[in-house]
N, C-alpha and C. Protein backbone atom coordinates (compact mmCIF):
# COMPACT_ATOMS: atom_id res chain seq x y z
N MET A 1 -81.38 -27.94 -16.05
CA MET A 1 -80.08 -28.45 -15.72
C MET A 1 -79.91 -28.45 -14.19
N SER A 2 -79.62 -29.56 -13.61
CA SER A 2 -79.51 -29.69 -12.17
C SER A 2 -78.09 -29.41 -11.70
N ARG A 3 -77.99 -28.79 -10.55
CA ARG A 3 -76.68 -28.50 -9.96
C ARG A 3 -76.40 -29.39 -8.77
N GLY A 4 -77.05 -30.49 -8.66
CA GLY A 4 -76.84 -31.38 -7.54
C GLY A 4 -77.64 -30.93 -6.33
N SER A 5 -77.05 -31.06 -5.15
CA SER A 5 -77.77 -30.75 -3.92
C SER A 5 -77.64 -29.28 -3.49
N THR A 6 -76.89 -28.48 -4.24
CA THR A 6 -76.75 -27.07 -3.87
C THR A 6 -77.96 -26.29 -4.35
N THR A 7 -78.35 -25.32 -3.55
CA THR A 7 -79.48 -24.47 -3.93
C THR A 7 -78.97 -23.06 -4.19
N ALA A 8 -79.63 -22.40 -5.11
CA ALA A 8 -79.26 -21.03 -5.43
C ALA A 8 -79.63 -20.12 -4.27
N PRO A 9 -78.80 -19.11 -3.99
CA PRO A 9 -79.14 -18.17 -2.91
C PRO A 9 -80.40 -17.39 -3.25
N ASP A 10 -81.18 -17.09 -2.23
CA ASP A 10 -82.38 -16.30 -2.48
C ASP A 10 -82.01 -14.83 -2.69
N ALA A 11 -83.00 -14.03 -3.03
CA ALA A 11 -82.75 -12.63 -3.37
C ALA A 11 -82.09 -11.86 -2.24
N SER A 12 -82.49 -12.08 -1.00
CA SER A 12 -81.90 -11.34 0.11
C SER A 12 -80.43 -11.72 0.30
N GLU A 13 -80.09 -12.98 0.09
CA GLU A 13 -78.69 -13.39 0.20
C GLU A 13 -77.86 -12.79 -0.93
N GLN A 14 -78.44 -12.72 -2.13
CA GLN A 14 -77.74 -12.11 -3.24
C GLN A 14 -77.51 -10.62 -3.01
N LEU A 15 -78.50 -9.94 -2.48
CA LEU A 15 -78.35 -8.51 -2.19
C LEU A 15 -77.30 -8.27 -1.12
N GLU A 16 -77.28 -9.12 -0.10
CA GLU A 16 -76.28 -8.99 0.96
C GLU A 16 -74.87 -9.19 0.39
N ALA A 17 -74.71 -10.14 -0.50
CA ALA A 17 -73.41 -10.39 -1.12
C ALA A 17 -72.99 -9.19 -1.97
N ILE A 18 -73.92 -8.61 -2.70
CA ILE A 18 -73.62 -7.43 -3.51
C ILE A 18 -73.22 -6.27 -2.61
N LYS A 19 -73.93 -6.09 -1.52
CA LYS A 19 -73.62 -5.01 -0.57
C LYS A 19 -72.21 -5.17 -0.01
N ARG A 20 -71.84 -6.40 0.35
CA ARG A 20 -70.50 -6.65 0.88
C ARG A 20 -69.43 -6.32 -0.16
N LEU A 21 -69.68 -6.69 -1.41
CA LEU A 21 -68.72 -6.39 -2.48
C LEU A 21 -68.56 -4.88 -2.68
N LEU A 22 -69.67 -4.17 -2.66
CA LEU A 22 -69.62 -2.71 -2.84
C LEU A 22 -68.90 -2.04 -1.67
N VAL A 23 -69.19 -2.49 -0.45
CA VAL A 23 -68.52 -1.93 0.73
C VAL A 23 -67.03 -2.22 0.65
N PHE A 24 -66.68 -3.45 0.28
CA PHE A 24 -65.27 -3.80 0.16
C PHE A 24 -64.57 -2.90 -0.87
N GLY A 25 -65.23 -2.68 -2.00
CA GLY A 25 -64.67 -1.80 -3.03
C GLY A 25 -64.46 -0.38 -2.53
N LEU A 26 -65.43 0.14 -1.80
CA LEU A 26 -65.29 1.49 -1.25
C LEU A 26 -64.12 1.58 -0.28
N LEU A 27 -64.00 0.59 0.58
CA LEU A 27 -62.92 0.59 1.55
C LEU A 27 -61.56 0.45 0.85
N ARG A 28 -61.50 -0.40 -0.15
CA ARG A 28 -60.24 -0.58 -0.90
C ARG A 28 -59.86 0.69 -1.65
N SER A 29 -60.86 1.49 -2.04
CA SER A 29 -60.56 2.70 -2.80
C SER A 29 -60.23 3.89 -1.89
N GLY A 30 -60.27 3.68 -0.58
CA GLY A 30 -59.84 4.73 0.33
C GLY A 30 -60.90 5.32 1.24
N ALA A 31 -62.16 4.94 1.07
CA ALA A 31 -63.20 5.44 1.98
C ALA A 31 -62.96 4.86 3.38
N THR A 32 -63.30 5.62 4.39
CA THR A 32 -63.17 5.12 5.76
C THR A 32 -64.41 4.32 6.14
N GLN A 33 -64.26 3.50 7.16
CA GLN A 33 -65.40 2.73 7.66
C GLN A 33 -66.51 3.67 8.11
N LYS A 34 -66.14 4.77 8.70
CA LYS A 34 -67.13 5.75 9.16
C LYS A 34 -67.91 6.33 7.98
N GLU A 35 -67.22 6.67 6.91
CA GLU A 35 -67.88 7.21 5.72
C GLU A 35 -68.86 6.20 5.12
N VAL A 36 -68.42 4.96 5.03
CA VAL A 36 -69.29 3.91 4.49
C VAL A 36 -70.49 3.70 5.40
N ALA A 37 -70.24 3.67 6.70
CA ALA A 37 -71.34 3.47 7.67
C ALA A 37 -72.36 4.59 7.57
N THR A 38 -71.89 5.82 7.45
CA THR A 38 -72.80 6.96 7.33
C THR A 38 -73.66 6.81 6.07
N ALA A 39 -73.04 6.43 4.96
CA ALA A 39 -73.78 6.25 3.71
C ALA A 39 -74.83 5.15 3.82
N LEU A 40 -74.53 4.11 4.61
CA LEU A 40 -75.46 3.00 4.80
C LEU A 40 -76.48 3.26 5.91
N GLY A 41 -76.28 4.33 6.67
CA GLY A 41 -77.18 4.62 7.78
C GLY A 41 -76.99 3.67 8.94
N THR A 42 -75.75 3.27 9.17
CA THR A 42 -75.45 2.34 10.26
C THR A 42 -74.21 2.84 11.01
N ASP A 43 -73.75 2.05 11.95
CA ASP A 43 -72.61 2.42 12.76
C ASP A 43 -71.32 1.86 12.17
N GLN A 44 -70.22 2.52 12.43
CA GLN A 44 -68.91 2.09 11.93
C GLN A 44 -68.58 0.68 12.38
N SER A 45 -69.01 0.29 13.57
CA SER A 45 -68.69 -1.04 14.08
C SER A 45 -69.34 -2.14 13.23
N VAL A 46 -70.49 -1.85 12.63
CA VAL A 46 -71.16 -2.82 11.76
C VAL A 46 -70.31 -3.05 10.51
N VAL A 47 -69.78 -1.98 9.94
CA VAL A 47 -68.92 -2.10 8.77
C VAL A 47 -67.66 -2.86 9.14
N SER A 48 -67.09 -2.57 10.29
CA SER A 48 -65.88 -3.24 10.74
C SER A 48 -66.09 -4.75 10.86
N ARG A 49 -67.22 -5.14 11.39
CA ARG A 49 -67.51 -6.57 11.59
C ARG A 49 -67.83 -7.31 10.30
N MET A 50 -68.12 -6.60 9.23
CA MET A 50 -68.46 -7.26 7.97
C MET A 50 -67.32 -8.12 7.45
N PHE A 51 -66.09 -7.72 7.71
CA PHE A 51 -64.94 -8.41 7.13
C PHE A 51 -63.92 -8.89 8.15
N GLY A 52 -64.00 -8.43 9.36
CA GLY A 52 -63.05 -8.86 10.38
C GLY A 52 -61.64 -8.37 10.10
N GLY A 53 -60.68 -9.05 10.65
CA GLY A 53 -59.28 -8.65 10.53
C GLY A 53 -58.71 -8.75 9.13
N ALA A 54 -59.29 -9.59 8.30
CA ALA A 54 -58.78 -9.75 6.93
C ALA A 54 -58.84 -8.44 6.16
N LEU A 55 -59.88 -7.66 6.37
CA LEU A 55 -60.01 -6.39 5.66
C LEU A 55 -58.95 -5.40 6.12
N ARG A 56 -58.73 -5.33 7.42
CA ARG A 56 -57.72 -4.39 7.92
C ARG A 56 -56.36 -4.67 7.29
N GLN A 57 -55.99 -5.93 7.20
CA GLN A 57 -54.70 -6.29 6.60
C GLN A 57 -54.67 -5.94 5.12
N THR A 58 -55.75 -6.18 4.41
CA THR A 58 -55.82 -5.88 2.98
C THR A 58 -55.70 -4.38 2.74
N VAL A 59 -56.40 -3.59 3.52
CA VAL A 59 -56.35 -2.14 3.35
C VAL A 59 -54.96 -1.61 3.71
N LYS A 60 -54.35 -2.12 4.77
CA LYS A 60 -53.01 -1.68 5.15
C LYS A 60 -52.02 -1.99 4.03
N THR A 61 -52.12 -3.18 3.47
CA THR A 61 -51.22 -3.58 2.39
C THR A 61 -51.42 -2.67 1.19
N ARG A 62 -52.66 -2.37 0.87
CA ARG A 62 -52.99 -1.53 -0.28
C ARG A 62 -52.45 -0.11 -0.10
N ARG A 63 -52.52 0.39 1.12
CA ARG A 63 -52.08 1.77 1.40
C ARG A 63 -50.58 1.86 1.65
N GLY A 64 -49.90 0.69 1.69
CA GLY A 64 -48.47 0.68 1.88
C GLY A 64 -48.01 0.94 3.29
N LYS A 65 -48.83 0.61 4.28
CA LYS A 65 -48.45 0.83 5.69
C LYS A 65 -47.80 -0.40 6.26
């Protein structure tokens, strides 16, 4: 079955998408960017850049600030 001109993402793109979803879930559940970064073995700034300002607004709204 053909899907037209779109191609399926390769394995590395799929893994990156899964990682972003998991990080987003952790942040939404109350983990800090620093905690997530430590678990991933990276810097907090990398986690911050994954979602930009949209994440900050979502987390603030969720926490009622």
